[in-house]
N, C-alpha and C. Protein backbone atom coordinates (compact mmCIF):
# COMPACT_ATOMS: atom_id res chain seq x y z
N MET A 1 67.34 53.10 42.25
CA MET A 1 66.86 51.73 42.97
C MET A 1 68.42 51.80 43.86
N LYS A 2 68.30 51.01 45.40
CA LYS A 2 69.49 51.06 46.00
C LYS A 2 70.02 49.55 45.93
N SER A 3 71.19 49.64 45.93
CA SER A 3 72.04 48.44 45.73
C SER A 3 71.80 47.57 46.85
N ARG A 4 71.85 46.25 46.72
CA ARG A 4 71.73 45.28 47.67
C ARG A 4 73.00 44.44 47.65
N PRO A 5 73.23 43.81 48.95
CA PRO A 5 74.34 42.84 48.69
C PRO A 5 74.08 41.89 47.78
N PRO A 6 75.21 41.50 46.88
CA PRO A 6 74.99 40.34 45.90
C PRO A 6 74.32 38.97 46.63
N GLU A 7 74.83 38.46 47.78
CA GLU A 7 74.25 37.57 48.52
C GLU A 7 73.92 37.93 49.80
N LEU A 8 72.57 36.94 50.25
CA LEU A 8 72.01 37.18 51.51
C LEU A 8 72.83 35.98 52.52
N LEU A 9 73.37 36.66 53.62
CA LEU A 9 73.86 35.79 54.47
C LEU A 9 72.92 35.13 55.12
N PRO A 10 73.75 33.54 55.66
CA PRO A 10 72.54 32.80 56.16
C PRO A 10 71.68 33.09 57.17
N GLY A 11 72.10 34.22 58.15
CA GLY A 11 71.42 34.79 59.30
C GLY A 11 70.27 35.83 59.21
N GLU A 12 70.26 36.26 57.85
CA GLU A 12 69.29 37.15 57.36
C GLU A 12 67.49 36.67 57.68
N LYS A 13 66.94 37.61 58.48
CA LYS A 13 65.59 37.13 58.86
C LYS A 13 64.86 37.14 57.40
N ARG A 14 63.71 36.38 57.56
CA ARG A 14 62.72 36.13 56.58
C ARG A 14 61.91 37.70 56.25
N ALA A 15 61.78 38.72 57.03
CA ALA A 15 61.30 39.63 56.92
C ALA A 15 62.16 40.80 55.93
N THR A 16 63.25 40.68 55.99
CA THR A 16 64.40 41.09 55.26
C THR A 16 63.92 40.69 53.72
N LEU A 17 64.05 39.43 53.58
CA LEU A 17 63.27 39.26 52.02
C LEU A 17 62.54 39.53 51.87
N THR A 18 61.40 39.81 52.71
CA THR A 18 59.98 40.21 52.11
C THR A 18 60.10 41.38 52.03
N MET A 19 60.87 42.65 52.84
CA MET A 19 60.89 43.83 52.57
C MET A 19 61.89 44.24 51.12
N ILE A 20 62.62 43.22 51.04
CA ILE A 20 63.27 43.35 49.55
C ILE A 20 62.52 43.27 48.38
N ALA A 21 61.64 42.11 48.46
CA ALA A 21 61.01 41.55 47.49
C ALA A 21 59.80 42.89 47.06
N ILE A 22 59.19 43.32 48.35
CA ILE A 22 58.33 44.58 48.01
C ILE A 22 58.88 45.66 47.54
N GLU A 23 60.09 46.21 47.93
CA GLU A 23 60.76 47.09 47.61
C GLU A 23 60.83 46.76 46.07
N ASP A 24 61.33 45.96 45.47
CA ASP A 24 61.63 45.34 44.29
C ASP A 24 60.27 45.98 43.48
N ARG A 25 59.40 45.10 43.76
CA ARG A 25 58.12 45.32 42.83
C ARG A 25 57.32 46.46 42.93
N THR A 26 57.23 47.48 44.13
CA THR A 26 56.36 48.61 43.85
C THR A 26 57.36 49.75 44.04
N GLY A 27 58.63 49.81 44.26
CA GLY A 27 59.47 50.95 44.39
C GLY A 27 59.39 51.80 45.61
N TRP A 28 58.85 51.34 46.55
CA TRP A 28 58.67 51.90 47.94
C TRP A 28 59.73 51.62 48.73
N THR A 29 59.99 52.54 49.35
CA THR A 29 61.10 52.38 50.40
C THR A 29 60.55 51.73 52.04
N ARG A 30 61.46 51.10 52.42
CA ARG A 30 61.16 50.46 53.99
C ARG A 30 60.28 51.05 54.56
N ARG A 31 60.34 52.31 54.75
CA ARG A 31 59.45 53.27 55.61
C ARG A 31 57.82 53.41 55.10
N GLN A 32 58.15 53.63 53.74
CA GLN A 32 56.82 53.49 52.84
C GLN A 32 55.92 52.20 53.14
N THR A 33 56.43 51.17 53.01
CA THR A 33 56.08 49.98 53.05
C THR A 33 55.46 49.72 54.37
N ILE A 34 56.26 50.07 55.67
CA ILE A 34 55.77 49.89 56.92
C ILE A 34 54.63 50.52 57.03
N THR A 35 54.41 51.88 56.52
CA THR A 35 53.26 52.89 56.68
C THR A 35 52.26 52.41 56.08
N VAL A 36 52.15 51.65 54.79
CA VAL A 36 51.08 51.26 54.23
C VAL A 36 50.51 50.02 54.94
N ILE A 37 51.42 49.10 55.30
CA ILE A 37 51.22 47.85 55.99
C ILE A 37 50.60 48.06 57.30
N GLY A 38 50.87 49.25 58.00
CA GLY A 38 50.28 49.39 59.29
C GLY A 38 49.18 50.03 58.95
N ALA A 39 48.68 51.14 57.89
CA ALA A 39 47.60 51.63 57.52
C ALA A 39 46.37 50.60 57.33
N ALA A 40 46.69 49.81 56.70
CA ALA A 40 45.99 48.44 56.38
C ALA A 40 45.62 47.73 57.59
N ALA A 41 46.57 47.01 58.23
CA ALA A 41 46.12 46.72 59.77
C ALA A 41 45.33 47.52 60.54
N LEU A 42 45.37 48.77 60.67
CA LEU A 42 44.46 49.82 61.29
C LEU A 42 43.04 49.77 60.90
N MET A 43 43.13 49.90 59.19
CA MET A 43 41.90 49.83 58.77
C MET A 43 41.07 48.51 59.08
N LEU A 44 41.81 47.19 58.98
CA LEU A 44 41.19 45.66 59.42
C LEU A 44 40.51 45.95 60.61
N ILE A 45 41.21 46.41 61.60
CA ILE A 45 40.84 46.49 63.07
C ILE A 45 39.83 47.43 63.22
N ILE A 46 39.58 48.53 62.58
CA ILE A 46 38.57 49.53 62.63
C ILE A 46 37.18 48.75 62.01
N CYS A 47 37.48 47.92 61.01
CA CYS A 47 36.29 47.45 60.44
C CYS A 47 35.71 46.35 61.10
N LEU A 48 36.49 45.44 61.70
CA LEU A 48 36.44 44.32 62.41
C LEU A 48 35.76 44.59 64.03
N GLY A 49 36.04 45.82 64.59
CA GLY A 49 35.70 46.48 65.54
C GLY A 49 33.79 46.93 65.38
N SER A 50 33.92 47.82 64.48
CA SER A 50 32.43 48.21 63.91
C SER A 50 31.68 47.02 63.71
N GLY A 51 32.23 45.96 62.88
CA GLY A 51 31.22 44.77 62.81
C GLY A 51 30.80 44.20 63.94
N LEU A 52 31.60 44.05 64.88
CA LEU A 52 31.32 43.44 66.09
C LEU A 52 30.58 44.34 67.11
N ILE A 53 30.80 45.49 66.90
CA ILE A 53 29.86 46.58 67.65
C ILE A 53 28.49 46.36 67.10
N ALA A 54 28.11 46.22 65.72
CA ALA A 54 27.11 46.14 65.25
C ALA A 54 26.21 45.17 65.48
N LEU A 55 27.07 43.57 65.54
CA LEU A 55 26.35 42.69 65.82
C LEU A 55 26.01 42.31 67.19
N GLY A 56 26.58 43.15 68.07
CA GLY A 56 26.11 43.44 69.85
C GLY A 56 25.00 43.99 69.77
N GLN A 57 24.82 45.14 68.60
CA GLN A 57 23.81 45.83 69.26
C GLN A 57 22.45 45.09 68.44
N ALA A 58 22.73 44.35 67.56
CA ALA A 58 21.58 43.88 66.97
C ALA A 58 20.98 42.68 67.74
N GLY A 59 21.85 42.18 68.50
CA GLY A 59 21.34 41.11 69.10
C GLY A 59 20.69 41.78 70.73
N ALA A 60 20.84 42.95 70.89
CA ALA A 60 20.15 43.52 72.03
C ALA A 60 18.58 43.78 72.03
N SER A 61 18.00 43.68 72.88
CA SER A 61 16.74 43.59 72.72
C SER A 61 16.04 45.17 72.46
N GLN A 62 15.51 45.00 71.42
CA GLN A 62 14.99 46.41 70.95
C GLN A 62 13.29 45.98 71.34
N PRO A 63 12.72 47.42 71.68
CA PRO A 63 11.19 46.96 71.84
C PRO A 63 10.33 46.75 70.72
N THR A 64 9.58 46.34 70.77
CA THR A 64 8.50 45.52 69.56
C THR A 64 7.24 46.56 69.80
N ILE A 65 6.93 46.78 68.70
CA ILE A 65 5.43 47.42 68.49
C ILE A 65 4.49 46.29 68.15
N THR A 66 3.36 46.30 69.38
CA THR A 66 2.37 45.49 69.11
C THR A 66 1.05 46.12 69.15
N PHE A 67 0.56 45.70 68.31
CA PHE A 67 -0.85 46.27 67.88
C PHE A 67 -2.04 45.58 68.83
N ALA A 68 -2.99 46.65 68.90
CA ALA A 68 -4.16 45.78 69.61
C ALA A 68 -4.93 44.68 68.70
N SER A 69 -5.43 43.71 69.02
CA SER A 69 -5.97 43.07 68.19
C SER A 69 -7.30 43.50 67.65
N LEU A 70 -7.64 43.22 66.36
CA LEU A 70 -8.95 43.64 65.73
C LEU A 70 -10.27 42.79 66.09
N PRO A 71 -11.18 43.57 66.21
CA PRO A 71 -12.27 42.63 66.78
C PRO A 71 -12.79 41.88 65.73
N ALA A 72 -13.38 40.85 66.36
CA ALA A 72 -13.82 39.91 65.02
C ALA A 72 -15.24 40.06 65.36
N VAL A 73 -16.29 40.12 64.35
CA VAL A 73 -17.55 40.58 64.09
C VAL A 73 -18.20 39.50 63.05
N SER A 74 -19.81 39.63 63.23
CA SER A 74 -20.43 38.87 62.01
C SER A 74 -20.55 39.77 61.00
N VAL A 75 -21.22 39.01 59.89
CA VAL A 75 -21.54 39.83 58.79
C VAL A 75 -22.86 40.52 58.92
N ALA A 76 -23.64 39.81 59.75
CA ALA A 76 -25.00 40.28 60.13
C ALA A 76 -24.43 41.73 60.92
N ASP A 77 -23.72 41.54 61.85
CA ASP A 77 -23.44 42.91 62.61
C ASP A 77 -22.67 44.39 61.72
N THR A 78 -22.04 43.43 60.51
CA THR A 78 -21.39 44.54 59.55
C THR A 78 -22.23 45.28 58.82
N LEU A 79 -23.17 44.49 58.59
CA LEU A 79 -24.24 45.09 57.30
C LEU A 79 -25.12 46.05 58.49
N ALA A 80 -25.35 45.58 59.45
CA ALA A 80 -26.11 46.44 60.45
C ALA A 80 -25.53 47.71 60.72
N HIS A 81 -24.34 47.97 60.85
CA HIS A 81 -23.52 49.08 60.78
C HIS A 81 -23.58 49.86 59.92
N LEU A 82 -23.40 49.25 58.68
CA LEU A 82 -23.63 49.76 56.99
C LEU A 82 -24.88 50.68 57.13
N LYS A 83 -25.92 49.85 57.74
CA LYS A 83 -27.50 50.56 57.62
C LYS A 83 -27.23 51.82 58.56
N SER A 84 -26.51 51.57 59.79
CA SER A 84 -26.78 52.75 60.70
C SER A 84 -26.16 53.88 60.57
N LEU A 85 -25.11 53.74 59.43
CA LEU A 85 -24.60 54.88 58.74
C LEU A 85 -25.10 55.39 57.55
N ASN A 86 -26.52 54.89 57.36
CA ASN A 86 -27.19 55.17 56.17
C ASN A 86 -26.81 54.93 54.88
N VAL A 87 -26.22 53.86 54.81
CA VAL A 87 -25.66 53.55 53.60
C VAL A 87 -26.95 52.95 52.93
N PRO A 88 -27.38 53.19 51.59
CA PRO A 88 -28.55 52.87 51.24
C PRO A 88 -28.55 51.41 50.49
N VAL A 89 -28.59 50.25 51.51
CA VAL A 89 -28.57 49.01 51.25
C VAL A 89 -29.73 48.44 50.87
N SER A 90 -29.85 47.54 49.85
CA SER A 90 -31.10 46.99 49.41
C SER A 90 -30.94 45.47 48.86
N ASN A 91 -31.70 44.84 48.35
CA ASN A 91 -31.74 43.53 47.89
C ASN A 91 -30.78 42.79 48.68
N VAL A 92 -30.97 42.57 50.13
CA VAL A 92 -30.01 41.74 50.81
C VAL A 92 -30.39 40.16 50.67
N GLN A 93 -29.45 39.47 50.58
CA GLN A 93 -29.68 38.07 50.24
C GLN A 93 -28.63 37.16 51.03
N THR A 94 -29.23 36.45 52.04
CA THR A 94 -28.16 35.71 52.79
C THR A 94 -28.20 34.04 52.02
N LEU A 95 -26.70 34.08 51.72
CA LEU A 95 -26.75 32.75 50.89
C LEU A 95 -26.43 31.63 51.73
N THR A 96 -27.24 30.73 51.70
CA THR A 96 -27.19 29.55 52.53
C THR A 96 -27.26 28.15 51.44
N PRO A 97 -26.34 27.39 51.81
CA PRO A 97 -25.10 27.40 52.54
C PRO A 97 -24.10 28.45 51.81
N PRO A 98 -22.99 28.88 52.53
CA PRO A 98 -22.37 30.16 51.75
C PRO A 98 -21.52 29.34 50.68
N GLY A 99 -21.19 29.91 49.76
CA GLY A 99 -20.23 29.41 48.39
C GLY A 99 -19.37 28.54 48.91
N THR A 100 -19.00 27.46 48.24
CA THR A 100 -18.04 26.37 48.64
C THR A 100 -16.52 27.24 48.19
N PHE A 101 -16.61 28.22 47.44
CA PHE A 101 -15.01 28.67 47.00
C PHE A 101 -14.73 29.60 47.98
N TRP A 102 -15.40 29.99 48.85
CA TRP A 102 -15.12 31.42 49.89
C TRP A 102 -14.60 30.65 51.13
N LYS A 103 -15.20 29.37 51.60
CA LYS A 103 -15.06 28.63 52.75
C LYS A 103 -15.49 29.66 53.82
N ALA A 104 -16.30 30.46 53.65
CA ALA A 104 -16.98 31.25 54.48
C ALA A 104 -17.85 30.71 55.57
N ASN A 105 -18.15 31.16 56.80
CA ASN A 105 -19.26 30.58 57.43
C ASN A 105 -20.53 31.39 57.50
N ALA A 106 -20.39 32.59 56.91
CA ALA A 106 -21.54 33.30 56.43
C ALA A 106 -21.30 34.06 55.13
N GLU A 107 -22.28 34.39 54.29
CA GLU A 107 -21.98 34.97 53.35
C GLU A 107 -23.33 35.78 52.72
N ILE A 108 -23.36 37.37 52.61
CA ILE A 108 -24.45 38.04 52.69
C ILE A 108 -24.20 38.72 51.16
N GLN A 109 -25.18 39.03 50.02
CA GLN A 109 -25.00 39.56 49.17
C GLN A 109 -26.11 40.75 49.04
N PHE A 110 -25.58 42.05 48.62
CA PHE A 110 -26.44 43.22 48.73
C PHE A 110 -25.96 44.10 47.90
N ASN A 111 -27.04 45.13 47.29
CA ASN A 111 -26.62 46.03 46.69
C ASN A 111 -26.54 47.47 47.18
N VAL A 112 -25.90 48.44 46.74
CA VAL A 112 -25.97 49.78 47.46
C VAL A 112 -26.16 50.59 46.30
N GLN A 113 -27.05 51.73 46.44
CA GLN A 113 -27.27 52.56 45.15
C GLN A 113 -27.28 54.06 45.43
N ARG A 114 -26.59 55.07 44.84
CA ARG A 114 -26.56 56.28 45.26
C ARG A 114 -26.56 57.03 43.96
N ASP A 115 -27.71 57.82 43.78
CA ASP A 115 -27.84 58.22 42.58
C ASP A 115 -27.64 57.37 41.36
N LYS A 116 -27.06 57.69 40.28
CA LYS A 116 -27.13 56.75 39.22
C LYS A 116 -25.97 55.58 39.49
N ASP A 117 -25.40 55.44 40.71
CA ASP A 117 -24.20 54.51 40.92
C ASP A 117 -24.88 53.36 41.73
N LYS A 118 -24.77 52.27 40.83
CA LYS A 118 -25.16 50.92 41.76
C LYS A 118 -24.02 49.97 41.67
N ALA A 119 -23.91 48.95 42.98
CA ALA A 119 -23.00 48.16 43.13
C ALA A 119 -23.70 46.97 43.92
N THR A 120 -22.85 46.21 43.34
CA THR A 120 -23.30 44.75 44.28
C THR A 120 -22.25 44.16 45.07
N PHE A 121 -22.32 43.73 46.15
CA PHE A 121 -21.16 43.60 47.00
C PHE A 121 -21.48 42.30 47.80
N LEU A 122 -20.53 41.35 48.22
CA LEU A 122 -20.62 40.24 49.00
C LEU A 122 -19.72 40.49 49.84
N LEU A 123 -20.32 40.15 51.59
CA LEU A 123 -19.97 40.39 52.54
C LEU A 123 -19.73 39.08 53.28
N LEU A 124 -18.40 38.65 53.62
CA LEU A 124 -17.98 37.08 54.05
C LEU A 124 -17.54 37.13 55.41
N GLY A 125 -17.86 36.03 56.04
CA GLY A 125 -17.26 36.25 57.52
C GLY A 125 -16.73 34.90 57.90
N TYR A 126 -15.77 35.08 58.67
CA TYR A 126 -14.65 33.92 58.77
C TYR A 126 -14.68 33.81 60.27
N ASP A 127 -14.21 32.67 60.89
CA ASP A 127 -13.80 32.33 62.40
C ASP A 127 -12.78 33.50 62.69
N THR A 128 -11.51 33.58 61.90
CA THR A 128 -10.53 34.29 62.50
C THR A 128 -10.04 35.51 60.95
N ALA A 129 -9.13 36.09 61.36
CA ALA A 129 -8.76 36.85 60.57
C ALA A 129 -7.44 36.26 59.26
N SER A 130 -6.75 35.21 59.94
CA SER A 130 -6.22 34.45 58.99
C SER A 130 -7.00 33.51 58.05
N GLN A 131 -8.17 33.51 58.10
CA GLN A 131 -8.78 32.25 57.51
C GLN A 131 -9.38 33.64 56.24
N ALA A 132 -9.77 34.83 56.91
CA ALA A 132 -10.39 35.60 56.11
C ALA A 132 -8.99 35.95 55.04
N GLY A 133 -7.86 36.34 55.32
CA GLY A 133 -6.67 36.73 54.50
C GLY A 133 -6.79 35.06 53.40
N ALA A 134 -6.72 34.19 53.93
CA ALA A 134 -6.13 33.27 53.13
C ALA A 134 -7.36 33.17 52.14
N ALA A 135 -8.46 33.39 52.40
CA ALA A 135 -9.51 33.28 51.41
C ALA A 135 -9.46 34.55 50.44
N ALA A 136 -8.80 35.53 50.49
CA ALA A 136 -8.51 36.95 49.95
C ALA A 136 -7.26 36.86 49.19
N PHE A 137 -6.46 35.69 49.44
CA PHE A 137 -5.26 35.24 48.72
C PHE A 137 -5.63 34.37 47.94
N ALA A 138 -6.43 33.34 48.05
CA ALA A 138 -6.97 32.42 47.11
C ALA A 138 -7.88 32.83 46.10
N ALA A 139 -8.53 33.89 46.28
CA ALA A 139 -9.39 34.53 45.58
C ALA A 139 -8.55 35.25 44.31
N SER A 140 -7.35 36.25 44.94
CA SER A 140 -6.68 36.74 43.68
C SER A 140 -6.04 35.93 42.83
N LEU A 141 -5.96 34.57 43.06
CA LEU A 141 -5.43 33.49 42.35
C LEU A 141 -6.30 32.79 41.34
N SER A 142 -7.70 33.30 41.63
CA SER A 142 -8.45 32.44 41.06
C SER A 142 -9.03 33.17 39.82
N GLU A 143 -9.15 32.57 38.65
CA GLU A 143 -9.72 33.22 37.36
C GLU A 143 -10.90 33.86 37.47
N LYS A 144 -11.89 33.34 38.15
CA LYS A 144 -13.26 33.99 38.46
C LYS A 144 -13.33 35.04 39.14
N TYR A 145 -12.42 34.99 40.18
CA TYR A 145 -12.63 36.15 41.65
C TYR A 145 -11.33 37.02 41.56
N LYS A 146 -10.24 37.10 40.58
CA LYS A 146 -9.28 37.77 40.73
C LYS A 146 -9.43 39.12 40.16
N THR A 147 -10.44 39.61 39.40
CA THR A 147 -10.72 41.05 39.29
C THR A 147 -11.76 41.60 40.32
N TYR A 148 -11.98 40.98 41.29
CA TYR A 148 -13.10 41.60 42.26
C TYR A 148 -12.33 42.37 43.13
N PRO A 149 -12.79 43.79 43.45
CA PRO A 149 -12.11 44.42 44.35
C PRO A 149 -12.31 44.03 45.78
N ILE A 150 -11.37 43.44 46.65
CA ILE A 150 -11.56 42.60 47.82
C ILE A 150 -10.91 43.50 48.89
N ARG A 151 -11.60 43.81 50.01
CA ARG A 151 -10.84 44.22 51.30
C ARG A 151 -10.98 43.61 52.34
N GLN A 152 -9.85 43.21 53.24
CA GLN A 152 -10.21 42.47 54.49
C GLN A 152 -10.51 43.40 55.71
N PHE A 153 -11.50 43.30 56.44
CA PHE A 153 -11.64 43.96 57.58
C PHE A 153 -11.47 42.87 58.92
N SER A 154 -10.66 42.57 59.46
CA SER A 154 -10.31 41.44 60.48
C SER A 154 -10.88 40.15 60.12
N ASN A 155 -11.59 39.78 60.59
CA ASN A 155 -12.23 38.55 59.92
C ASN A 155 -13.46 38.52 59.01
N VAL A 156 -13.84 39.48 58.33
CA VAL A 156 -14.71 39.83 57.32
C VAL A 156 -14.11 40.12 56.08
N LEU A 157 -14.51 39.75 54.85
CA LEU A 157 -14.14 40.32 53.72
C LEU A 157 -15.11 40.78 53.04
N LEU A 158 -15.10 42.11 52.47
CA LEU A 158 -15.82 43.11 51.47
C LEU A 158 -15.60 42.52 50.10
N ALA A 159 -16.30 42.09 49.25
CA ALA A 159 -16.20 42.08 47.74
C ALA A 159 -16.85 42.71 47.09
N ALA A 160 -16.09 43.54 45.90
CA ALA A 160 -17.45 44.20 45.31
C ALA A 160 -17.23 43.54 43.65
N ILE A 161 -18.43 43.40 43.05
CA ILE A 161 -18.51 42.70 41.52
C ILE A 161 -17.77 43.56 40.94
N PRO A 162 -16.83 43.08 39.83
CA PRO A 162 -16.29 43.88 38.87
C PRO A 162 -16.92 44.85 38.20
N GLY A 163 -16.43 46.10 37.98
CA GLY A 163 -17.16 47.21 37.35
C GLY A 163 -18.24 48.19 38.39
N SER A 164 -17.92 47.89 39.60
CA SER A 164 -18.94 48.44 40.48
C SER A 164 -18.29 49.85 40.49
N PRO A 165 -19.10 50.95 40.57
CA PRO A 165 -18.26 52.25 40.33
C PRO A 165 -17.44 52.52 41.81
N ALA A 166 -16.24 52.99 41.54
CA ALA A 166 -15.35 53.25 42.48
C ALA A 166 -16.00 54.39 43.93
N PRO A 167 -16.47 55.31 43.64
CA PRO A 167 -17.15 55.92 44.68
C PRO A 167 -17.65 54.97 45.70
N LEU A 168 -18.50 54.05 45.29
CA LEU A 168 -19.53 53.17 46.20
C LEU A 168 -18.37 52.46 46.89
N VAL A 169 -17.48 51.59 46.17
CA VAL A 169 -16.46 50.71 46.82
C VAL A 169 -15.73 51.52 47.88
N ASN A 170 -15.37 52.72 47.52
CA ASN A 170 -14.35 53.47 48.43
C ASN A 170 -15.24 53.73 49.64
N GLU A 171 -16.49 54.11 49.79
CA GLU A 171 -17.34 54.67 50.57
C GLU A 171 -17.59 53.53 51.62
N LEU A 172 -17.89 52.42 51.31
CA LEU A 172 -17.98 51.28 52.03
C LEU A 172 -16.92 50.75 52.90
N ASN A 173 -15.47 50.76 52.09
CA ASN A 173 -14.22 50.86 52.46
C ASN A 173 -13.81 51.47 53.74
N GLY A 174 -14.13 52.93 53.38
CA GLY A 174 -14.06 53.90 54.19
C GLY A 174 -14.66 53.50 55.72
N HIS A 175 -15.82 53.16 55.37
CA HIS A 175 -16.81 52.86 56.59
C HIS A 175 -16.13 51.66 57.24
N LEU A 176 -15.96 50.76 56.88
CA LEU A 176 -15.41 50.06 57.40
C LEU A 176 -13.95 49.74 58.09
N THR A 177 -13.56 50.88 57.44
CA THR A 177 -12.04 50.90 57.93
C THR A 177 -12.07 51.67 59.22
N GLN A 178 -13.22 52.57 59.09
CA GLN A 178 -13.25 53.56 60.18
C GLN A 178 -13.78 52.90 61.65
N TRP A 179 -14.74 51.51 61.17
CA TRP A 179 -15.36 50.94 62.27
C TRP A 179 -14.45 49.95 62.82
N LEU A 180 -13.54 49.21 62.18
CA LEU A 180 -13.13 47.78 62.38
C LEU A 180 -11.41 48.09 62.56
N ILE A 181 -10.62 49.17 62.07
CA ILE A 181 -9.56 49.28 61.97
C ILE A 181 -9.08 50.32 62.48
N ALA A 182 -9.25 51.54 61.93
CA ALA A 182 -8.80 52.62 62.55
C ALA A 182 -8.73 52.87 64.14
N PRO A 183 -9.76 52.57 64.85
CA PRO A 183 -9.69 52.57 66.10
C PRO A 183 -8.57 51.79 66.86
N TYR A 184 -7.98 51.04 66.43
CA TYR A 184 -7.11 50.01 66.71
C TYR A 184 -5.60 50.13 66.15
N ARG A 185 -5.51 51.21 65.04
CA ARG A 185 -4.18 51.49 64.61
C ARG A 185 -4.09 53.07 64.61
N LEU A 186 -2.89 53.67 65.37
CA LEU A 186 -2.92 54.71 65.78
C LEU A 186 -2.62 55.68 64.47
N TYR A 187 -1.96 54.90 63.31
CA TYR A 187 -1.44 55.41 62.56
C TYR A 187 -2.53 56.15 61.30
N LEU A 188 -3.61 55.69 61.56
CA LEU A 188 -4.93 55.66 60.72
C LEU A 188 -5.85 56.72 61.55
N PRO A 189 -6.00 57.82 60.34
CA PRO A 189 -7.08 58.91 61.14
C PRO A 189 -8.27 58.21 61.26
N THR A 190 -9.13 58.90 62.37
CA THR A 190 -10.34 58.24 62.88
C THR A 190 -11.13 59.10 63.62
N SER A 191 -12.65 58.99 63.27
CA SER A 191 -13.52 59.73 63.88
C SER A 191 -13.70 59.09 65.26
N THR A 192 -13.43 58.25 65.57
CA THR A 192 -13.60 57.38 66.94
C THR A 192 -12.56 57.61 67.70
N PRO A 193 -12.48 57.29 69.15
CA PRO A 193 -11.65 57.06 69.95
C PRO A 193 -10.55 55.88 69.42
N HIS A 194 -9.59 56.07 69.81
CA HIS A 194 -8.60 55.11 69.38
C HIS A 194 -8.89 53.89 70.60
N ALA A 195 -8.73 52.78 70.37
CA ALA A 195 -8.69 51.62 71.58
C ALA A 195 -7.10 51.57 72.12
N SER A 196 -7.31 51.27 73.54
CA SER A 196 -5.96 51.15 74.30
C SER A 196 -5.82 49.96 74.51
């Protein structure tokens, strides 16, 4: 360790006192101390600069993806579409007035049977997609309906009675996805042309 003068002169600068204190605590020479302080200052400047650049880019306008609106359809048109695809629909019952839980403007119950598989479905129509989404969410919280497999297709809900065979549920979900969603969402494969 270097020897220091026993007493500091009145004209010495505060920086000298700081340097002496750092040297005593760390054992670094004056040159090493200045190098470490300079490197820390440089790192601080780089971090602050990077942060400011990132903030500037976050504020820049980014292109937003906008999806085409999904069509609003009636439950009657939806059922007619399933029949046009040769889905074996039977025992069609229009429920009037629609059930109070669902708050739908139209409700149709029907069966589908292929070979030994048979399922009962509810087709529920709403004025808007957001109303259909709210009803599906409410059903997921309901003790009575939370076990129903429910899918939303724009403003229409398709609910299968619990225990319905998965192949039939998947078939109807696929048909309605192809008809009401896939033409409007480019990321979904479709056998029909995409809407522009």
